[in-house]
Amino acid sequence: MSALRKIPATIVTGFLGAGKTTFIRSLLENAGGRRIALVINEFGDVGVDGDILKSCGVESCRDEDIVELANGCLCCTVADEFLPAIEALLKRSDALDHIIIETSGLALPKPLLKAFDWPQVRARVTVDGVIAVVDAAAVADGRFVDDAEKLAAERAADPAVAHDNPLEEVYQDQLFCADLVVLNKIDLLDPDDAERVSRSIAAAARGRAKVIATEEGRVDPAIALGLEAGAEDDLASRPSHHDGSEAHDHDDFDSFVVEVPPLADPADYVRRLAEITERHDVLRMKGFLDVAGKPMRLLVQGVGARFRQQYDRLWRADEARRGRLVVIGQKGLNRDAIEAALR
């Protein structure tokens, strides 16, 4: 019977810096002994999120349960990367209770969802649900949606003005596909803004997804795991801006890695990072830094000009102490200026 059972899989989507990894870590810490395998995808060639989860210290989540797929988006590499990763996990399915797939912040969930309709996957796995993690503060700041009045004024002046906002398209596609929306970082908003954002999320999700407001990505696994959506059989009700397209690319976005020398004053450096992101309109910055005289590495994560840092673990004896930051933004980033400033 165990050979015939379908393993439930949860797709976790959400824009850059929404808190997907924090949400998954909370699920692992409260999984009640369930063996959960992770497929982690990042837009960039440094596996920050996978490294964070590997150091989470949860007994039921071992290194061999984590598959990292970096430098790309699964929505574009389904056949080449995702299917081999799932097939490898299925070879030891007796040891797994659940699979969680964390997409990159720029991925469209629907092409990935379609992969679960492939015969070799459908027979063994079912999509328990698609969960979209949303940064409440970013929504409140209008990061994803154009100012309707400003756009109307521009079109009145020039009817040829096109409405082309790649951030909004990715954000909306993630909501259109969701069974559950985790409205994260709600503590950063006052009650009025929180209510306004909650209403806008419910409207954007077209009423098909339940919305849960939370802090630090904390959601009871009994709610998040066990949606039983069977989403692979429900593709028609999950529209996408890219329905009918053969492919989805990321030409609207840039990503690169900067090597950072050892730091003497990490607090001052993080303040400078916030200034750099504002000056150059960087969407996301994250990585690990080497602080001189400290035995632990410094994890730094920024969403726009909002930054957090913490010492997450000791440097291992078998690894080089090196500072590296992943920088992600819309096409046209001044890479030379950003690299010079970061160094």
C-alpha atoms as a PDB file:
ATOM      1  CA  MET A   1       0.000   0.000   0.000  1.00  0.00           C
ATOM      2  CA  SER A   2       2.857   2.420   0.760  1.00  0.00           C
ATOM      3  CA  ALA A   3       4.072   1.993  -2.819  1.00  0.00           C
ATOM      4  CA  LEU A   4       0.649   3.089  -4.118  1.00  0.00           C
ATOM      5  CA  ARG A   5       0.162   6.170  -1.947  1.00  0.00           C
ATOM      6  CA  LYS A   6       0.692   9.608  -3.420  1.00  0.00           C
ATOM      7  CA  ILE A   7       3.104  11.865  -1.579  1.00  0.00           C
ATOM      8  CA  PRO A   8       1.604  15.316  -0.921  1.00  0.00           C
ATOM      9  CA  ALA A   9       3.635  18.239  -2.234  1.00  0.00           C
ATOM     10  CA  THR A  10       3.291  21.905  -1.355  1.00  0.00           C
ATOM     11  CA  ILE A  11       4.467  24.659  -3.702  1.00  0.00           C
ATOM     12  CA  VAL A  12       5.591  27.770  -1.798  1.00  0.00           C
ATOM     13  CA  THR A  13       5.705  30.841  -4.009  1.00  0.00           C
ATOM     14  CA  GLY A  14       6.072  34.536  -3.267  1.00  0.00           C
ATOM     15  CA  PHE A  15       8.045  37.538  -4.452  1.00  0.00           C
ATOM     16  CA  LEU A  16      11.659  38.250  -3.539  1.00  0.00           C
ATOM     17  CA  GLY A  17      12.068  38.705   0.211  1.00  0.00           C
ATOM     18  CA  ALA A  18       8.479  37.872   1.130  1.00  0.00           C
ATOM     19  CA  GLY A  19       9.651  35.434   3.813  1.00  0.00           C
ATOM     20  CA  LYS A  20       9.293  32.050   2.081  1.00  0.00           C
ATOM     21  CA  THR A  21      12.358  30.523   3.731  1.00  0.00           C
ATOM     22  CA  THR A  22      11.336  31.794   7.177  1.00  0.00           C
ATOM     23  CA  PHE A  23       7.863  30.333   6.626  1.00  0.00           C
ATOM     24  CA  ILE A  24       9.296  26.946   5.620  1.00  0.00           C
ATOM     25  CA  ARG A  25      11.680  26.913   8.561  1.00  0.00           C
ATOM     26  CA  SER A  26       8.745  27.504  10.919  1.00  0.00           C
ATOM     27  CA  LEU A  27       6.895  24.562   9.334  1.00  0.00           C
ATOM     28  CA  LEU A  28       9.920  22.319   9.820  1.00  0.00           C
ATOM     29  CA  GLU A  29      10.329  23.348  13.447  1.00  0.00           C
ATOM     30  CA  ASN A  30       6.713  22.397  14.142  1.00  0.00           C
ATOM     31  CA  ALA A  31       6.335  19.411  11.835  1.00  0.00           C
ATOM     32  CA  GLY A  32       5.824  16.927  14.667  1.00  0.00           C
ATOM     33  CA  GLY A  33       8.358  14.414  13.392  1.00  0.00           C
ATOM     34  CA  ARG A  34       7.105  14.275   9.816  1.00  0.00           C
ATOM     35  CA  ARG A  35       9.905  13.673   7.321  1.00  0.00           C
ATOM     36  CA  ILE A  36       9.763  16.573   4.880  1.00  0.00           C
ATOM     37  CA  ALA A  37      11.944  16.851   1.782  1.00  0.00           C
ATOM     38  CA  LEU A  38      12.708  20.279   0.344  1.00  0.00           C
ATOM     39  CA  VAL A  39      13.373  21.450  -3.203  1.00  0.00           C
ATOM     40  CA  ILE A  40      14.840  24.952  -3.012  1.00  0.00           C
ATOM     41  CA  ASN A  41      15.174  27.152  -6.101  1.00  0.00           C
ATOM     42  CA  GLU A  42      16.940  30.520  -6.144  1.00  0.00           C
ATOM     43  CA  PHE A  43      17.405  33.266  -8.720  1.00  0.00           C
ATOM     44  CA  GLY A  44      21.183  33.546  -8.396  1.00  0.00           C
ATOM     45  CA  ASP A  45      24.129  31.184  -8.106  1.00  0.00           C
ATOM     46  CA  VAL A  46      24.615  31.396  -4.323  1.00  0.00           C
ATOM     47  CA  GLY A  47      22.312  29.089  -2.361  1.00  0.00           C
ATOM     48  CA  VAL A  48      21.469  31.345   0.579  1.00  0.00           C
ATOM     49  CA  ASP A  49      18.022  29.910   1.332  1.00  0.00           C
ATOM     50  CA  GLY A  50      19.169  26.287   1.147  1.00  0.00           C
ATOM     51  CA  ASP A  51      22.095  27.063   3.441  1.00  0.00           C
ATOM     52  CA  ILE A  52      19.764  28.712   5.962  1.00  0.00           C
ATOM     53  CA  LEU A  53      17.511  25.658   6.040  1.00  0.00           C
ATOM     54  CA  LYS A  54      20.439  23.247   6.274  1.00  0.00           C
ATOM     55  CA  SER A  55      21.544  25.022   9.442  1.00  0.00           C
ATOM     56  CA  CYS A  56      18.063  25.094  11.004  1.00  0.00           C
ATOM     57  CA  GLY A  57      18.887  22.276  13.416  1.00  0.00           C
ATOM     58  CA  VAL A  58      15.606  20.407  12.880  1.00  0.00           C
ATOM     59  CA  GLU A  59      16.210  16.677  13.276  1.00  0.00           C
ATOM     60  CA  SER A  60      13.554  15.643  10.761  1.00  0.00           C
ATOM     61  CA  CYS A  61      15.127  17.796   8.027  1.00  0.00           C
ATOM     62  CA  ARG A  62      18.525  16.409   7.121  1.00  0.00           C
ATOM     63  CA  ASP A  63      20.935  17.661   4.475  1.00  0.00           C
ATOM     64  CA  GLU A  64      20.064  14.728   2.225  1.00  0.00           C
ATOM     65  CA  ASP A  65      16.418  15.840   2.344  1.00  0.00           C
ATOM     66  CA  ILE A  66      17.271  19.184   0.703  1.00  0.00           C
ATOM     67  CA  VAL A  67      17.707  19.546  -3.061  1.00  0.00           C
ATOM     68  CA  GLU A  68      19.080  22.923  -4.176  1.00  0.00           C
ATOM     69  CA  LEU A  69      18.507  24.233  -7.695  1.00  0.00           C
ATOM     70  CA  ALA A  70      20.272  27.584  -8.017  1.00  0.00           C
ATOM     71  CA  ASN A  71      20.818  30.181 -10.740  1.00  0.00           C
ATOM     72  CA  GLY A  72      17.473  30.053 -12.473  1.00  0.00           C
ATOM     73  CA  CYS A  73      13.732  29.656 -12.069  1.00  0.00           C
ATOM     74  CA  LEU A  74      11.952  26.318 -12.014  1.00  0.00           C
ATOM     75  CA  CYS A  75       9.192  27.698 -14.183  1.00  0.00           C
ATOM     76  CA  CYS A  76      11.771  27.799 -17.010  1.00  0.00           C
ATOM     77  CA  THR A  77      13.694  24.596 -16.213  1.00  0.00           C
ATOM     78  CA  VAL A  78      10.943  22.109 -15.371  1.00  0.00           C
ATOM     79  CA  ALA A  79      12.154  19.318 -17.638  1.00  0.00           C
ATOM     80  CA  ASP A  80      15.872  19.842 -17.065  1.00  0.00           C
ATOM     81  CA  GLU A  81      15.962  20.362 -13.299  1.00  0.00           C
ATOM     82  CA  PHE A  82      12.673  19.895 -11.501  1.00  0.00           C
ATOM     83  CA  LEU A  83      11.630  16.504 -12.864  1.00  0.00           C
ATOM     84  CA  PRO A  84      15.026  14.856 -12.186  1.00  0.00           C
ATOM     85  CA  ALA A  85      14.941  16.286  -8.646  1.00  0.00           C
ATOM     86  CA  ILE A  86      11.466  14.882  -7.971  1.00  0.00           C
ATOM     87  CA  GLU A  87      12.347  11.514  -9.472  1.00  0.00           C
ATOM     88  CA  ALA A  88      15.411  11.304  -7.215  1.00  0.00           C
ATOM     89  CA  LEU A  89      13.253  12.010  -4.153  1.00  0.00           C
ATOM     90  CA  LEU A  90      10.672   9.432  -5.216  1.00  0.00           C
ATOM     91  CA  LYS A  91      13.311   6.710  -5.245  1.00  0.00           C
ATOM     92  CA  ARG A  92      13.264   6.907  -1.450  1.00  0.00           C
ATOM     93  CA  SER A  93       9.609   7.815  -1.043  1.00  0.00           C
ATOM     94  CA  ASP A  94       9.106   5.378   1.849  1.00  0.00           C
ATOM     95  CA  ALA A  95      11.115   7.773   4.008  1.00  0.00           C
ATOM     96  CA  LEU A  96       9.090  10.864   3.040  1.00  0.00           C
ATOM     97  CA  ASP A  97       5.814  12.201   4.381  1.00  0.00           C
ATOM     98  CA  HIS A  98       5.696  15.470   2.433  1.00  0.00           C
ATOM     99  CA  ILE A  99       7.606  17.469  -0.189  1.00  0.00           C
ATOM    100  CA  ILE A 100       7.889  21.262  -0.073  1.00  0.00           C
ATOM    101  CA  ILE A 101       9.046  23.145  -3.158  1.00  0.00           C
ATOM    102  CA  GLU A 102      10.238  26.715  -2.605  1.00  0.00           C
ATOM    103  CA  THR A 103      10.285  28.577  -5.913  1.00  0.00           C
ATOM    104  CA  SER A 104      12.498  31.556  -6.609  1.00  0.00           C
ATOM    105  CA  GLY A 105      10.942  34.949  -5.954  1.00  0.00           C
ATOM    106  CA  LEU A 106      10.639  35.594  -9.691  1.00  0.00           C
ATOM    107  CA  ALA A 107       9.108  32.247 -10.658  1.00  0.00           C
ATOM    108  CA  LEU A 108       5.618  31.781 -12.022  1.00  0.00           C
ATOM    109  CA  PRO A 109       3.962  28.889 -10.161  1.00  0.00           C
ATOM    110  CA  LYS A 110       1.669  27.674 -12.946  1.00  0.00           C
ATOM    111  CA  PRO A 111       4.334  26.151 -15.256  1.00  0.00           C
ATOM    112  CA  LEU A 112       5.665  24.244 -12.261  1.00  0.00           C
ATOM    113  CA  LEU A 113       2.162  23.147 -11.318  1.00  0.00           C
ATOM    114  CA  LYS A 114       1.673  21.805 -14.841  1.00  0.00           C
ATOM    115  CA  ALA A 115       4.669  19.517 -14.338  1.00  0.00           C
ATOM    116  CA  PHE A 116       2.691  17.550 -11.778  1.00  0.00           C
ATOM    117  CA  ASP A 117       0.418  16.447 -14.611  1.00  0.00           C
ATOM    118  CA  TRP A 118       3.312  14.597 -16.245  1.00  0.00           C
ATOM    119  CA  PRO A 119       2.541  10.852 -16.039  1.00  0.00           C
ATOM    120  CA  GLN A 120       5.730   9.902 -14.181  1.00  0.00           C
ATOM    121  CA  VAL A 121       4.937  12.475 -11.501  1.00  0.00           C
ATOM    122  CA  ARG A 122       1.121  12.312 -11.369  1.00  0.00           C
ATOM    123  CA  ALA A 123       1.206   8.630 -10.476  1.00  0.00           C
ATOM    124  CA  ARG A 124       3.302   9.274  -7.361  1.00  0.00           C
ATOM    125  CA  VAL A 125       2.709  12.872  -6.192  1.00  0.00           C
ATOM    126  CA  THR A 126      -0.272  15.165  -5.663  1.00  0.00           C
ATOM    127  CA  VAL A 127      -0.148  18.917  -5.104  1.00  0.00           C
ATOM    128  CA  ASP A 128      -1.559  19.389  -1.625  1.00  0.00           C
ATOM    129  CA  GLY A 129      -1.650  23.134  -2.193  1.00  0.00           C
ATOM    130  CA  VAL A 130       0.003  26.253  -3.576  1.00  0.00           C
ATOM    131  CA  ILE A 131       0.921  28.753  -0.864  1.00  0.00           C
ATOM    132  CA  ALA A 132       1.799  32.347  -1.742  1.00  0.00           C
ATOM    133  CA  VAL A 133       3.823  34.245   0.869  1.00  0.00           C
ATOM    134  CA  VAL A 134       3.334  38.016   0.583  1.00  0.00           C
ATOM    135  CA  ASP A 135       5.342  40.858   2.122  1.00  0.00           C
ATOM    136  CA  ALA A 136       2.588  43.004   3.641  1.00  0.00           C
ATOM    137  CA  ALA A 137       4.834  46.061   3.980  1.00  0.00           C
ATOM    138  CA  ALA A 138       5.897  45.900   0.320  1.00  0.00           C
ATOM    139  CA  VAL A 139       2.260  45.746  -0.778  1.00  0.00           C
ATOM    140  CA  ALA A 140       1.403  48.710   1.466  1.00  0.00           C
ATOM    141  CA  ASP A 141       4.263  50.675  -0.088  1.00  0.00           C
ATOM    142  CA  GLY A 142       2.884  50.040  -3.582  1.00  0.00           C
ATOM    143  CA  ARG A 143       5.913  48.026  -4.682  1.00  0.00           C
ATOM    144  CA  PHE A 144       3.985  45.743  -7.052  1.00  0.00           C
ATOM    145  CA  VAL A 145       1.022  47.708  -8.358  1.00  0.00           C
ATOM    146  CA  ASP A 146       1.267  50.848 -10.455  1.00  0.00           C
ATOM    147  CA  ASP A 147      -0.362  54.051  -9.225  1.00  0.00           C
ATOM    148  CA  ALA A 148      -3.674  53.944 -11.129  1.00  0.00           C
ATOM    149  CA  GLU A 149      -4.138  57.742 -11.095  1.00  0.00           C
ATOM    150  CA  LYS A 150      -0.590  58.373 -12.323  1.00  0.00           C
ATOM    151  CA  LEU A 151      -0.976  55.790 -15.077  1.00  0.00           C
ATOM    152  CA  ALA A 152      -4.301  57.324 -16.178  1.00  0.00           C
ATOM    153  CA  ALA A 153      -2.704  60.775 -16.361  1.00  0.00           C
ATOM    154  CA  GLU A 154       0.194  59.428 -18.457  1.00  0.00           C
ATOM    155  CA  ARG A 155      -2.215  57.709 -20.840  1.00  0.00           C
ATOM    156  CA  ALA A 156      -4.312  60.893 -21.129  1.00  0.00           C
ATOM    157  CA  ALA A 157      -1.169  62.732 -22.208  1.00  0.00           C
ATOM    158  CA  ASP A 158      -0.041  59.899 -24.489  1.00  0.00           C
ATOM    159  CA  PRO A 159      -2.551  57.155 -25.435  1.00  0.00           C
ATOM    160  CA  ALA A 160       0.345  54.984 -26.631  1.00  0.00           C
ATOM    161  CA  VAL A 161       1.708  54.555 -23.105  1.00  0.00           C
ATOM    162  CA  ALA A 162       1.853  50.822 -22.381  1.00  0.00           C
ATOM    163  CA  HIS A 163       1.129  49.224 -19.030  1.00  0.00           C
ATOM    164  CA  ASP A 164       4.132  46.956 -18.644  1.00  0.00           C
ATOM    165  CA  ASN A 165       5.042  46.166 -15.046  1.00  0.00           C
ATOM    166  CA  PRO A 166       6.941  42.860 -14.713  1.00  0.00           C
ATOM    167  CA  LEU A 167       6.811  43.017 -10.903  1.00  0.00           C
ATOM    168  CA  GLU A 168       3.030  43.265 -10.962  1.00  0.00           C
ATOM    169  CA  GLU A 169       2.713  40.361 -13.406  1.00  0.00           C
ATOM    170  CA  VAL A 170       4.821  38.016 -11.266  1.00  0.00           C
ATOM    171  CA  TYR A 171       3.044  39.119  -8.086  1.00  0.00           C
ATOM    172  CA  GLN A 172      -0.419  38.621  -9.594  1.00  0.00           C
ATOM    173  CA  ASP A 173       0.436  35.251 -11.130  1.00  0.00           C
ATOM    174  CA  GLN A 174       1.561  34.008  -7.732  1.00  0.00           C
ATOM    175  CA  LEU A 175      -1.727  35.108  -6.142  1.00  0.00           C
ATOM    176  CA  PHE A 176      -3.874  33.744  -8.999  1.00  0.00           C
ATOM    177  CA  CYS A 177      -2.411  30.277  -8.427  1.00  0.00           C
ATOM    178  CA  ALA A 178      -2.630  30.199  -4.616  1.00  0.00           C
ATOM    179  CA  ASP A 179      -4.830  28.069  -2.381  1.00  0.00           C
ATOM    180  CA  LEU A 180      -3.531  29.853   0.722  1.00  0.00           C
ATOM    181  CA  VAL A 181      -2.018  33.340   1.016  1.00  0.00           C
ATOM    182  CA  VAL A 182       0.304  33.971   3.948  1.00  0.00           C
ATOM    183  CA  LEU A 183       0.255  37.731   4.509  1.00  0.00           C
ATOM    184  CA  ASN A 184       3.617  37.996   6.238  1.00  0.00           C
ATOM    185  CA  LYS A 185       5.270  40.859   8.191  1.00  0.00           C
ATOM    186  CA  ILE A 186       1.875  42.180   9.228  1.00  0.00           C
ATOM    187  CA  ASP A 187       3.548  43.583  12.356  1.00  0.00           C
ATOM    188  CA  LEU A 188       5.210  46.251  10.203  1.00  0.00           C
ATOM    189  CA  LEU A 189       1.838  47.870   9.455  1.00  0.00           C
ATOM    190  CA  ASP A 190      -0.578  49.884  11.535  1.00  0.00           C
ATOM    191  CA  PRO A 191      -4.120  48.448  11.849  1.00  0.00           C
ATOM    192  CA  ASP A 192      -5.604  50.627   9.081  1.00  0.00           C
ATOM    193  CA  ASP A 193      -2.908  49.719   6.568  1.00  0.00           C
ATOM    194  CA  ALA A 194      -3.131  46.065   7.582  1.00  0.00           C
ATOM    195  CA  GLU A 195      -6.862  46.037   6.876  1.00  0.00           C
ATOM    196  CA  ARG A 196      -6.390  47.821   3.547  1.00  0.00           C
ATOM    197  CA  VAL A 197      -3.685  45.398   2.423  1.00  0.00           C
ATOM    198  CA  SER A 198      -5.730  42.380   3.525  1.00  0.00           C
ATOM    199  CA  ARG A 199      -8.663  43.548   1.392  1.00  0.00           C
ATOM    200  CA  SER A 200      -6.433  44.173  -1.632  1.00  0.00           C
ATOM    201  CA  ILE A 201      -4.858  40.702  -1.310  1.00  0.00           C
ATOM    202  CA  ALA A 202      -8.261  39.021  -1.046  1.00  0.00           C
ATOM    203  CA  ALA A 203      -9.418  40.886  -4.151  1.00  0.00           C
ATOM    204  CA  ALA A 204      -6.246  40.080  -6.100  1.00  0.00           C
ATOM    205  CA  ALA A 205      -6.582  36.404  -5.196  1.00  0.00           C
ATOM    206  CA  ARG A 206     -10.113  36.543  -6.633  1.00  0.00           C
ATOM    207  CA  GLY A 207     -11.638  35.083  -3.487  1.00  0.00           C
ATOM    208  CA  ARG A 208     -10.346  31.577  -4.237  1.00  0.00           C
ATOM    209  CA  ALA A 209      -7.626  31.571  -1.561  1.00  0.00           C
ATOM    210  CA  LYS A 210      -7.815  31.869   2.192  1.00  0.00           C
ATOM    211  CA  VAL A 211      -5.688  34.723   3.584  1.00  0.00           C
ATOM    212  CA  ILE A 212      -3.801  34.367   6.872  1.00  0.00           C
ATOM    213  CA  ALA A 213      -1.950  37.338   8.385  1.00  0.00           C
ATOM    214  CA  THR A 214       1.154  36.484  10.365  1.00  0.00           C
ATOM    215  CA  GLU A 215       4.542  37.576  11.673  1.00  0.00           C
ATOM    216  CA  GLU A 216       7.866  35.834  10.994  1.00  0.00           C
ATOM    217  CA  GLY A 217       6.091  33.373   8.697  1.00  0.00           C
ATOM    218  CA  ARG A 218       4.488  31.507  11.585  1.00  0.00           C
ATOM    219  CA  VAL A 219       1.592  29.324  10.419  1.00  0.00           C
ATOM    220  CA  ASP A 220       0.409  26.115  12.072  1.00  0.00           C
ATOM    221  CA  PRO A 221       1.458  23.141   9.886  1.00  0.00           C
ATOM    222  CA  ALA A 222      -2.016  21.710  10.466  1.00  0.00           C
ATOM    223  CA  ILE A 223      -3.306  24.621   8.382  1.00  0.00           C
ATOM    224  CA  ALA A 224      -0.570  24.861   5.765  1.00  0.00           C
ATOM    225  CA  LEU A 225       0.062  21.147   5.196  1.00  0.00           C
ATOM    226  CA  GLY A 226      -3.125  19.245   4.516  1.00  0.00           C
ATOM    227  CA  LEU A 227      -5.029  21.551   2.156  1.00  0.00           C
ATOM    228  CA  GLU A 228      -5.775  18.553  -0.102  1.00  0.00           C
ATOM    229  CA  ALA A 229      -6.272  20.877  -3.075  1.00  0.00           C
ATOM    230  CA  GLY A 230      -5.263  18.381  -5.767  1.00  0.00           C
ATOM    231  CA  ALA A 231      -4.106  21.468  -7.654  1.00  0.00           C
ATOM    232  CA  GLU A 232      -2.793  19.488 -10.638  1.00  0.00           C
ATOM    233  CA  ASP A 233      -6.452  18.766 -11.485  1.00  0.00           C
ATOM    234  CA  ASP A 234      -7.493  22.407 -11.143  1.00  0.00           C
ATOM    235  CA  LEU A 235      -5.289  24.252 -13.636  1.00  0.00           C
ATOM    236  CA  ALA A 236      -8.160  25.945 -15.475  1.00  0.00           C
ATOM    237  CA  SER A 237      -9.192  27.993 -12.440  1.00  0.00           C
ATOM    238  CA  ARG A 238      -5.657  29.365 -11.974  1.00  0.00           C
ATOM    239  CA  PRO A 239      -5.082  31.950 -14.731  1.00  0.00           C
ATOM    240  CA  SER A 240      -1.699  33.404 -15.651  1.00  0.00           C
ATOM    241  CA  HIS A 241      -0.520  36.438 -17.574  1.00  0.00           C
ATOM    242  CA  HIS A 242       1.533  33.962 -19.576  1.00  0.00           C
ATOM    243  CA  ASP A 243      -1.204  31.469 -20.480  1.00  0.00           C
ATOM    244  CA  GLY A 244      -0.686  30.493 -24.086  1.00  0.00           C
ATOM    245  CA  SER A 245       2.997  31.404 -24.066  1.00  0.00           C
ATOM    246  CA  GLU A 246       5.500  28.707 -24.849  1.00  0.00           C
ATOM    247  CA  ALA A 247       8.071  30.089 -22.448  1.00  0.00           C
ATOM    248  CA  HIS A 248       8.613  32.618 -19.689  1.00  0.00           C
ATOM    249  CA  ASP A 249      11.952  34.379 -19.401  1.00  0.00           C
ATOM    250  CA  HIS A 250      13.439  36.776 -16.906  1.00  0.00           C
ATOM    251  CA  ASP A 251      14.949  39.357 -19.222  1.00  0.00           C
ATOM    252  CA  ASP A 252      13.322  42.052 -17.085  1.00  0.00           C
ATOM    253  CA  PHE A 253      15.589  41.212 -14.127  1.00  0.00           C
ATOM    254  CA  ASP A 254      19.304  41.098 -13.340  1.00  0.00           C
ATOM    255  CA  SER A 255      21.206  39.159 -10.694  1.00  0.00           C
ATOM    256  CA  PHE A 256      24.867  39.061  -9.762  1.00  0.00           C
ATOM    257  CA  VAL A 257      27.122  38.136  -6.839  1.00  0.00           C
ATOM    258  CA  VAL A 258      29.602  40.465  -5.155  1.00  0.00           C
ATOM    259  CA  GLU A 259      32.575  39.255  -3.106  1.00  0.00           C
ATOM    260  CA  VAL A 260      32.854  41.314   0.085  1.00  0.00           C
ATOM    261  CA  PRO A 261      36.071  41.590   2.126  1.00  0.00           C
ATOM    262  CA  PRO A 262      36.085  40.965   5.903  1.00  0.00           C
ATOM    263  CA  LEU A 263      34.207  43.639   7.861  1.00  0.00           C
ATOM    264  CA  ALA A 264      35.327  45.551  10.924  1.00  0.00           C
ATOM    265  CA  ASP A 265      31.998  47.312  11.596  1.00  0.00           C
ATOM    266  CA  PRO A 266      29.041  45.202  10.380  1.00  0.00           C
ATOM    267  CA  ALA A 267      26.383  47.596  11.704  1.00  0.00           C
ATOM    268  CA  ASP A 268      27.806  50.483   9.681  1.00  0.00           C
ATOM    269  CA  TYR A 269      28.104  48.254   6.618  1.00  0.00           C
ATOM    270  CA  VAL A 270      24.449  47.197   6.796  1.00  0.00           C
ATOM    271  CA  ARG A 271      23.452  50.871   7.032  1.00  0.00           C
ATOM    272  CA  ARG A 272      25.418  51.449   3.838  1.00  0.00           C
ATOM    273  CA  LEU A 273      23.612  48.531   2.176  1.00  0.00           C
ATOM    274  CA  ALA A 274      20.273  50.227   2.815  1.00  0.00           C
ATOM    275  CA  GLU A 275      21.573  53.431   1.221  1.00  0.00           C
ATOM    276  CA  ILE A 276      22.884  51.521  -1.811  1.00  0.00           C
ATOM    277  CA  THR A 277      19.582  49.717  -2.403  1.00  0.00           C
ATOM    278  CA  GLU A 278      17.651  52.982  -2.274  1.00  0.00           C
ATOM    279  CA  ARG A 279      20.093  54.758  -4.580  1.00  0.00           C
ATOM    280  CA  HIS A 280      20.013  51.982  -7.186  1.00  0.00           C
ATOM    281  CA  ASP A 281      16.476  50.625  -6.620  1.00  0.00           C
ATOM    282  CA  VAL A 282      17.707  47.131  -5.755  1.00  0.00           C
ATOM    283  CA  LEU A 283      14.846  44.701  -5.142  1.00  0.00           C
ATOM    284  CA  ARG A 284      16.668  42.114  -3.054  1.00  0.00           C
ATOM    285  CA  MET A 285      20.068  41.672  -1.422  1.00  0.00           C
ATOM    286  CA  LYS A 286      21.114  38.692   0.674  1.00  0.00           C
ATOM    287  CA  GLY A 287      24.150  36.695   1.621  1.00  0.00           C
ATOM    288  CA  PHE A 288      26.743  35.808   4.238  1.00  0.00           C
ATOM    289  CA  LEU A 289      29.469  38.143   5.492  1.00  0.00           C
ATOM    290  CA  ASP A 290      32.760  37.584   7.289  1.00  0.00           C
ATOM    291  CA  VAL A 291      33.190  39.802  10.350  1.00  0.00           C
ATOM    292  CA  ALA A 292      36.793  40.114  11.504  1.00  0.00           C
ATOM    293  CA  GLY A 293      37.377  38.460  14.874  1.00  0.00           C
ATOM    294  CA  LYS A 294      33.973  36.730  14.963  1.00  0.00           C
ATOM    295  CA  PRO A 295      33.736  32.914  14.856  1.00  0.00           C
ATOM    296  CA  MET A 296      30.249  33.040  13.321  1.00  0.00           C
ATOM    297  CA  ARG A 297      29.145  34.157   9.881  1.00  0.00           C
ATOM    298  CA  LEU A 298      26.750  37.074   9.524  1.00  0.00           C
ATOM    299  CA  LEU A 299      23.548  36.441   7.571  1.00  0.00           C
ATOM    300  CA  VAL A 300      22.252  39.617   5.926  1.00  0.00           C
ATOM    301  CA  GLN A 301      18.886  39.910   4.160  1.00  0.00           C
ATOM    302  CA  GLY A 302      17.413  43.004   2.568  1.00  0.00           C
ATOM    303  CA  VAL A 303      14.107  43.759   0.859  1.00  0.00           C
ATOM    304  CA  GLY A 304      14.400  47.181  -0.650  1.00  0.00           C
ATOM    305  CA  ALA A 305      15.914  49.339   2.094  1.00  0.00           C
ATOM    306  CA  ARG A 306      14.681  47.075   4.922  1.00  0.00           C
ATOM    307  CA  PHE A 307      17.576  44.982   6.238  1.00  0.00           C
ATOM    308  CA  ARG A 308      18.013  42.360   8.919  1.00  0.00           C
ATOM    309  CA  GLN A 309      21.179  40.692  10.090  1.00  0.00           C
ATOM    310  CA  GLN A 310      22.057  37.899  12.510  1.00  0.00           C
ATOM    311  CA  TYR A 311      24.913  35.529  13.251  1.00  0.00           C
ATOM    312  CA  ASP A 312      23.402  32.262  12.084  1.00  0.00           C
ATOM    313  CA  ARG A 313      26.139  29.646  12.666  1.00  0.00           C
ATOM    314  CA  LEU A 314      29.831  29.058  13.241  1.00  0.00           C
ATOM    315  CA  TRP A 315      32.157  29.017  10.277  1.00  0.00           C
ATOM    316  CA  ARG A 316      33.089  25.409   9.649  1.00  0.00           C
ATOM    317  CA  ALA A 317      36.712  24.355   9.750  1.00  0.00           C
ATOM    318  CA  ASP A 318      36.434  22.933   6.226  1.00  0.00           C
ATOM    319  CA  GLU A 319      35.030  26.079   4.559  1.00  0.00           C
ATOM    320  CA  ALA A 320      36.649  29.310   3.473  1.00  0.00           C
ATOM    321  CA  ARG A 321      35.539  32.426   5.301  1.00  0.00           C
ATOM    322  CA  ARG A 322      34.248  34.594   2.481  1.00  0.00           C
ATOM    323  CA  GLY A 323      31.672  37.330   2.255  1.00  0.00           C
ATOM    324  CA  ARG A 324      29.255  37.096  -0.681  1.00  0.00           C
ATOM    325  CA  LEU A 325      26.117  39.076  -1.448  1.00  0.00           C
ATOM    326  CA  VAL A 326      23.494  38.299  -4.094  1.00  0.00           C
ATOM    327  CA  VAL A 327      22.031  41.422  -5.717  1.00  0.00           C
ATOM    328  CA  ILE A 328      18.731  41.239  -7.641  1.00  0.00           C
ATOM    329  CA  GLY A 329      16.911  44.048  -9.398  1.00  0.00           C
ATOM    330  CA  GLN A 330      15.145  45.056 -12.552  1.00  0.00           C
ATOM    331  CA  LYS A 331      17.054  45.179 -15.826  1.00  0.00           C
ATOM    332  CA  GLY A 332      19.458  48.075 -16.051  1.00  0.00           C
ATOM    333  CA  LEU A 333      21.107  47.883 -12.641  1.00  0.00           C
ATOM    334  CA  ASN A 334      24.397  49.792 -12.577  1.00  0.00           C
ATOM    335  CA  ARG A 335      26.463  46.751 -11.687  1.00  0.00           C
ATOM    336  CA  ASP A 336      29.829  48.514 -11.644  1.00  0.00           C
ATOM    337  CA  ALA A 337      28.624  51.238  -9.287  1.00  0.00           C
ATOM    338  CA  ILE A 338      26.886  48.752  -6.979  1.00  0.00           C
ATOM    339  CA  GLU A 339      29.921  46.449  -6.826  1.00  0.00           C
ATOM    340  CA  ALA A 340      32.234  49.359  -6.078  1.00  0.00           C
ATOM    341  CA  ALA A 341      29.959  50.589  -3.298  1.00  0.00           C
ATOM    342  CA  LEU A 342      29.579  47.123  -1.760  1.00  0.00           C
ATOM    343  CA  ARG A 343      33.333  46.616  -1.654  1.00  0.00           C
END
